[in-house]
């Protein structure tokens, strides 16, 4: 029988969430803020719940969602910002999120803390902002979660998600700083699956080019499942706090938002479940594209990260 989570019975979690999203007392200081970023369907909700295993974080759920949170309208279109950008139209809403001033039903929908001494910003639209966020708010603890691009692409397609590449090509600063060598690759006709792989490459390339291991902790989804103690302890060491006493049990739990047909609930292998279900030609094309973006040290055709996969600075060209 699976042990209950840190908040106990699901009814208690729902009650705390109903109260916490309205009445949370946020006492987190600048040094107590974690930004957990990742491409959508990489497992950020799951890892966020492990980070918040004590239930003492105020969880800000995807505050940079411009369609859900009107104050974030300047961040439409997978916005990229150069680290030295100081425009108030970006700084003010971002500061509201990371300092906890932002209150919004969407943002606080998963919060269960009534008195929070830490803050967790869980975001799938901030990969291209991480370098800027570090410069603007240097006390933030930045975590980037990576999952195999084929697993991400398959999961996104199953939900009917699109891969918006055109807004990337419409940003001159992003092209000049990072994507000009890949303009033709991003503009060429591509299958829906491959468009998601291309988006994964962009959202992985940019933060790894801007930030090193002293400013960004890269965590691998697959290693959290296959080697939970090593990868989990590395994560918590970066956060500056002890890992849960039963870390492997916490990592074995599905997230509270896991769908019924997700691998972790259906009994499928969450690491290797996509193998054999993605056409071989799509896998080969994905591997070639990852190599073209200079990310071949992270993933290949195998579902696990490469043995030597480490977050090293990535060059363009």
Protein backbone atom coordinates (compact mmCIF):
# COMPACT_ATOMS: atom_id res chain seq x y z
CA UNK A 1 0.00 0.00 0.00
CA UNK A 2 1.31 3.44 -0.93
CA UNK A 3 2.03 5.69 2.00
CA UNK A 4 0.05 8.93 2.15
CA UNK A 5 1.85 12.11 1.12
CA UNK A 6 3.15 14.71 3.57
CA UNK A 7 -0.28 16.31 3.78
CA UNK A 8 -2.06 13.10 4.60
CA UNK A 9 -5.48 12.17 3.25
CA UNK A 10 -6.52 13.61 -0.15
CA UNK A 11 -9.51 15.30 1.52
CA UNK A 12 -7.11 17.15 3.83
CA UNK A 13 -5.02 18.21 0.85
CA UNK A 14 -8.09 19.57 -0.91
CA UNK A 15 -9.12 21.46 2.22
CA UNK A 16 -5.66 22.95 2.71
CA UNK A 17 -5.50 23.88 -0.98
CA UNK A 18 -8.88 25.64 -0.79
CA UNK A 19 -7.70 27.67 2.20
CA UNK A 20 -4.07 28.09 1.14
CA UNK A 21 -4.81 29.64 -2.22
CA UNK A 22 -6.74 32.43 -0.50
CA UNK A 23 -5.21 32.97 2.92
CA UNK A 24 -1.57 31.88 2.74
CA UNK A 25 0.83 33.89 4.90
CA UNK A 26 4.00 34.13 2.81
CA UNK A 27 7.07 34.69 5.00
CA UNK A 28 9.73 33.45 2.57
CA UNK A 29 12.78 35.66 2.19
CA UNK A 30 14.80 36.27 -1.00
CA UNK A 31 17.14 33.38 -0.16
CA UNK A 32 14.21 30.97 0.31
CA UNK A 33 12.90 30.94 -3.27
CA UNK A 34 13.30 28.04 -5.70
CA UNK A 35 12.47 28.42 -9.38
CA UNK A 36 11.83 24.98 -10.87
CA UNK A 37 11.81 25.25 -14.66
CA UNK A 38 11.37 22.69 -17.42
CA UNK A 39 9.74 22.14 -20.76
CA UNK A 40 6.10 21.18 -20.40
CA UNK A 41 5.62 17.43 -19.65
CA UNK A 42 9.09 17.05 -18.18
CA UNK A 43 7.84 16.26 -14.66
CA UNK A 44 8.02 19.66 -12.97
CA UNK A 45 4.84 19.15 -10.90
CA UNK A 46 6.16 15.82 -9.62
CA UNK A 47 9.59 17.18 -8.70
CA UNK A 48 8.01 20.28 -7.17
CA UNK A 49 6.00 18.09 -4.82
CA UNK A 50 9.17 16.25 -3.80
CA UNK A 51 10.93 19.55 -3.09
CA UNK A 52 7.89 20.58 -1.04
CA UNK A 53 7.71 17.28 0.82
CA UNK A 54 7.18 19.04 4.16
CA UNK A 55 4.39 21.20 2.77
CA UNK A 56 6.18 24.34 3.98
CA UNK A 57 6.55 26.07 0.60
CA UNK A 58 4.08 28.43 -0.93
CA UNK A 59 3.67 26.97 -4.40
CA UNK A 60 3.27 29.46 -7.24
CA UNK A 61 1.96 27.42 -10.16
CA UNK A 62 3.09 28.69 -13.58
CA UNK A 63 2.86 32.41 -12.75
CA UNK A 64 4.37 33.41 -16.13
CA UNK A 65 1.34 32.05 -18.04
CA UNK A 66 0.28 35.17 -19.99
CA UNK A 67 -3.17 33.89 -20.93
CA UNK A 68 -4.05 32.93 -17.36
CA UNK A 69 -2.35 35.77 -15.48
CA UNK A 70 -3.04 39.11 -17.20
CA UNK A 71 -0.16 40.96 -15.53
CA UNK A 72 2.19 38.57 -17.34
CA UNK A 73 1.04 39.69 -20.82
CA UNK A 74 4.53 41.07 -21.67
CA UNK A 75 5.86 37.50 -21.57
CA UNK A 76 3.69 36.23 -24.45
CA UNK A 77 5.29 34.20 -27.21
CA UNK A 78 7.94 32.24 -25.29
CA UNK A 79 9.64 35.52 -24.44
CA UNK A 80 13.42 35.63 -24.30
CA UNK A 81 15.14 38.43 -22.41
CA UNK A 82 18.78 39.35 -22.42
CA UNK A 83 20.29 39.26 -18.92
CA UNK A 84 20.80 43.04 -18.78
CA UNK A 85 17.17 43.88 -19.69
CA UNK A 86 15.83 46.35 -17.11
CA UNK A 87 12.48 47.39 -18.57
CA UNK A 88 9.83 47.77 -15.82
CA UNK A 89 7.25 46.03 -18.03
CA UNK A 90 9.16 42.80 -17.39
CA UNK A 91 10.79 43.45 -14.03
CA UNK A 92 7.66 44.48 -12.16
CA UNK A 93 5.48 41.42 -12.90
CA UNK A 94 8.44 39.06 -12.49
CA UNK A 95 9.28 40.63 -9.15
CA UNK A 96 5.68 40.22 -8.04
CA UNK A 97 5.98 36.48 -8.70
CA UNK A 98 9.37 35.73 -7.17
CA UNK A 99 8.80 37.94 -4.11
CA UNK A 100 5.37 36.45 -3.47
CA UNK A 101 3.38 39.67 -3.92
CA UNK A 102 1.46 38.07 -6.78
CA UNK A 103 -1.90 36.62 -5.71
CA UNK A 104 -4.05 35.00 -8.37
CA UNK A 105 -6.41 31.99 -8.47
CA UNK A 106 -4.38 30.31 -11.21
CA UNK A 107 -1.05 30.86 -9.49
CA UNK A 108 -2.20 29.73 -6.03
CA UNK A 109 -4.41 26.87 -7.22
CA UNK A 110 -2.09 24.13 -5.93
CA UNK A 111 -0.81 25.84 -2.80
CA UNK A 112 -1.47 23.98 0.45
CA UNK A 113 0.76 25.93 2.84
CA UNK A 114 -1.08 28.17 5.30
CA UNK A 115 2.10 29.75 6.67
CA UNK A 116 4.95 29.46 4.15
CA UNK A 117 8.58 30.00 5.04
CA UNK A 118 9.78 28.99 1.61
CA UNK A 119 8.52 29.70 -1.89
CA UNK A 120 8.50 27.42 -4.95
CA UNK A 121 7.89 28.89 -8.41
CA UNK A 122 6.95 25.97 -10.68
CA UNK A 123 7.12 27.13 -14.29
CA UNK A 124 7.16 25.57 -17.79
CA UNK A 125 7.42 28.87 -19.70
CA UNK A 126 10.56 30.34 -18.13
CA UNK A 127 13.42 28.36 -19.68
CA UNK A 128 14.33 31.28 -21.95
CA UNK A 129 14.14 33.68 -19.00
CA UNK A 130 16.47 31.89 -16.59
CA UNK A 131 19.58 33.89 -17.47
CA UNK A 132 17.63 37.12 -17.05
CA UNK A 133 16.03 35.96 -13.80
CA UNK A 134 19.43 35.11 -12.37
CA UNK A 135 20.77 38.56 -13.23
CA UNK A 136 17.67 40.38 -11.93
CA UNK A 137 17.16 38.25 -8.80
CA UNK A 138 20.53 36.67 -7.96
CA UNK A 139 19.35 35.06 -4.70
CA UNK A 140 17.02 32.68 -6.56
CA UNK A 141 17.89 28.97 -6.53
CA UNK A 142 17.38 27.91 -10.15
CA UNK A 143 16.65 24.28 -11.06
CA UNK A 144 16.21 23.02 -14.63
CA UNK A 145 14.54 19.62 -15.04
CA UNK A 146 15.41 17.68 -18.20
CA UNK A 147 13.61 14.67 -19.65
CA UNK A 148 14.33 12.82 -22.89
CA UNK A 149 13.01 14.88 -25.82
CA UNK A 150 11.20 11.89 -27.33
CA UNK A 151 9.37 11.25 -24.05
CA UNK A 152 8.44 14.92 -23.79
CA UNK A 153 7.30 15.13 -27.43
CA UNK A 154 5.16 12.01 -27.17
CA UNK A 155 3.54 13.17 -23.94
CA UNK A 156 2.79 16.63 -25.34
CA UNK A 157 1.29 15.18 -28.52
CA UNK A 158 -0.96 12.84 -26.56
CA UNK A 159 -2.45 15.91 -24.86
CA UNK A 160 -2.92 17.71 -28.16
CA UNK A 161 -0.38 20.41 -27.33
CA UNK A 162 1.20 22.48 -30.06
CA UNK A 163 4.86 23.47 -30.36
CA UNK A 164 5.00 27.23 -31.04
CA UNK A 165 8.21 27.71 -33.02
CA UNK A 166 7.16 30.83 -34.94
CA UNK A 167 7.30 33.15 -31.88
CA UNK A 168 10.90 32.07 -31.37
CA UNK A 169 11.88 33.09 -34.89
CA UNK A 170 10.10 36.44 -34.44
CA UNK A 171 12.46 37.56 -31.64
CA UNK A 172 15.55 39.29 -33.09
CA UNK A 173 17.48 39.18 -29.79
CA UNK A 174 16.91 35.44 -29.42
CA UNK A 175 18.06 34.81 -32.98
CA UNK A 176 21.12 37.03 -32.63
CA UNK A 177 22.17 35.61 -29.27
CA UNK A 178 21.41 31.91 -29.74
CA UNK A 179 19.35 30.68 -32.67
CA UNK A 180 20.73 32.18 -35.89
CA UNK A 181 22.69 28.98 -36.73
CA UNK A 182 19.45 27.03 -36.41
CA UNK A 183 17.09 29.39 -38.24
CA UNK A 184 16.73 27.13 -41.28
CA UNK A 185 16.26 24.05 -39.11
CA UNK A 186 13.52 25.74 -37.08
CA UNK A 187 11.77 27.13 -40.18
CA UNK A 188 11.84 23.91 -42.22
CA UNK A 189 8.70 21.75 -42.51
CA UNK A 190 8.51 19.31 -39.62
CA UNK A 191 6.11 16.71 -38.29
CA UNK A 192 4.13 17.64 -35.15
CA UNK A 193 6.37 15.29 -33.15
CA UNK A 194 9.55 16.86 -34.47
CA UNK A 195 8.31 20.39 -33.76
CA UNK A 196 8.15 19.41 -30.09
CA UNK A 197 11.70 18.05 -30.30
CA UNK A 198 12.86 21.35 -31.80
CA UNK A 199 11.15 23.30 -29.03
CA UNK A 200 12.85 21.05 -26.45
CA UNK A 201 16.22 21.78 -28.05
CA UNK A 202 15.70 25.56 -27.90
CA UNK A 203 14.41 25.49 -24.33
CA UNK A 204 17.41 23.38 -23.29
CA UNK A 205 20.10 25.15 -25.31
CA UNK A 206 19.46 28.69 -24.09
CA UNK A 207 19.68 28.17 -20.32
CA UNK A 208 22.67 25.85 -20.67
CA UNK A 209 24.48 28.51 -22.71
CA UNK A 210 23.72 31.27 -20.23
CA UNK A 211 24.20 29.57 -16.88
CA UNK A 212 26.80 27.21 -15.45
CA UNK A 213 26.75 24.70 -12.58
CA UNK A 214 27.42 27.45 -10.06
CA UNK A 215 24.16 29.22 -10.94
CA UNK A 216 21.86 26.48 -12.31
CA UNK A 217 21.21 22.98 -11.03
CA UNK A 218 20.31 20.59 -13.86
CA UNK A 219 18.34 17.54 -12.76
CA UNK A 220 17.47 14.56 -14.95
CA UNK A 221 13.97 13.09 -14.75
CA UNK A 222 15.17 9.59 -15.59
CA UNK A 223 17.94 9.62 -12.98
CA UNK A 224 15.47 10.62 -10.28
CA UNK A 225 13.62 7.40 -11.08
CA UNK A 226 16.53 5.04 -11.67
CA UNK A 227 19.01 6.45 -9.13
CA UNK A 228 16.86 8.44 -6.71
CA UNK A 229 19.40 8.72 -3.91
CA UNK A 230 22.24 10.07 -6.06
CA UNK A 231 20.14 12.48 -8.13
CA UNK A 232 17.77 13.43 -5.32
CA UNK A 233 20.54 14.12 -2.82
CA UNK A 234 22.34 16.22 -5.41
CA UNK A 235 19.17 18.29 -5.85
CA UNK A 236 18.62 18.83 -2.14
CA UNK A 237 22.29 19.68 -1.61
CA UNK A 238 21.86 22.46 -4.17
CA UNK A 239 18.77 23.67 -2.32
CA UNK A 240 20.79 23.80 0.88
CA UNK A 241 18.57 21.52 2.91
CA UNK A 242 18.45 17.82 3.86
CA UNK A 243 16.63 15.38 1.61
CA UNK A 244 13.52 13.59 2.90
CA UNK A 245 14.34 10.63 5.18
CA UNK A 246 12.62 8.25 2.71
CA UNK A 247 13.64 9.98 -0.48
CA UNK A 248 13.03 7.00 -2.78
CA UNK A 249 9.47 6.65 -1.46
CA UNK A 250 8.74 10.31 -2.14
CA UNK A 251 10.09 9.98 -5.67
CA UNK A 252 8.04 6.82 -6.25
CA UNK A 253 4.76 8.68 -5.70
CA UNK A 254 2.91 10.02 -8.74
CA UNK A 255 2.30 13.74 -8.66
CA UNK A 256 -1.12 14.87 -7.49
CA UNK A 257 -1.76 16.05 -11.06
CA UNK A 258 -0.75 12.79 -12.79
CA UNK A 259 -3.39 11.67 -15.29
CA UNK A 260 -5.02 8.26 -14.98
CA UNK A 261 -3.40 7.15 -18.23
CA UNK A 262 0.06 8.38 -17.22
CA UNK A 263 2.81 5.79 -16.94
CA UNK A 264 3.19 6.21 -13.18
CA UNK A 265 -0.50 5.43 -12.61
CA UNK A 266 -1.05 2.85 -15.35
CA UNK A 267 1.95 0.71 -14.37
CA UNK A 268 3.87 1.50 -17.56
CA UNK A 269 7.58 2.30 -17.37
CA UNK A 270 7.86 6.11 -17.08
CA UNK A 271 11.43 6.00 -18.36
CA UNK A 272 11.17 3.55 -21.26
CA UNK A 273 7.46 3.74 -22.02
CA UNK A 274 7.95 5.74 -25.21
CA UNK A 275 10.38 3.22 -26.72
CA UNK A 276 8.66 1.24 -29.47
CA UNK A 277 5.78 3.72 -29.54
CA UNK A 278 7.63 6.46 -31.36
CA UNK A 279 8.37 5.60 -35.01
CA UNK A 280 12.07 4.77 -35.51
CA UNK A 281 12.47 7.48 -38.13
CA UNK A 282 11.22 10.08 -35.64
CA UNK A 283 13.71 8.84 -33.05
CA UNK A 284 16.58 9.00 -35.54
CA UNK A 285 15.59 12.50 -36.62
CA UNK A 286 15.31 13.60 -32.99
CA UNK A 287 18.81 12.29 -32.22
CA UNK A 288 20.25 14.09 -35.25
CA UNK A 289 18.55 17.32 -34.20
CA UNK A 290 19.79 17.07 -30.60
CA UNK A 291 23.28 16.60 -32.02
CA UNK A 292 22.86 19.60 -34.34
CA UNK A 293 22.01 21.80 -31.35
CA UNK A 294 25.17 20.70 -29.54
CA UNK A 295 23.24 18.73 -26.93
CA UNK A 296 24.44 15.24 -27.82
CA UNK A 297 26.19 14.96 -24.44
CA UNK A 298 22.76 14.84 -22.77
CA UNK A 299 20.63 12.28 -24.64
CA UNK A 300 20.86 9.86 -27.54
CA UNK A 301 18.54 7.14 -28.79
CA UNK A 302 18.54 5.38 -25.41
CA UNK A 303 15.87 6.63 -22.98
CA UNK A 304 18.41 7.25 -20.21
CA UNK A 305 20.67 10.30 -20.12
CA UNK A 306 24.14 9.53 -21.38
CA UNK A 307 26.53 8.30 -18.73
CA UNK A 308 28.62 11.45 -18.88
CA UNK A 309 25.70 13.85 -19.19
CA UNK A 310 26.56 16.91 -17.14
CA UNK A 311 25.42 20.53 -17.39
CA UNK A 312 28.34 22.08 -19.27
CA UNK A 313 28.22 25.40 -21.16
CA UNK A 314 26.96 24.90 -24.71
CA UNK A 315 28.34 26.85 -27.65
CA UNK A 316 26.53 27.78 -30.83
CA UNK A 317 27.80 27.15 -34.30
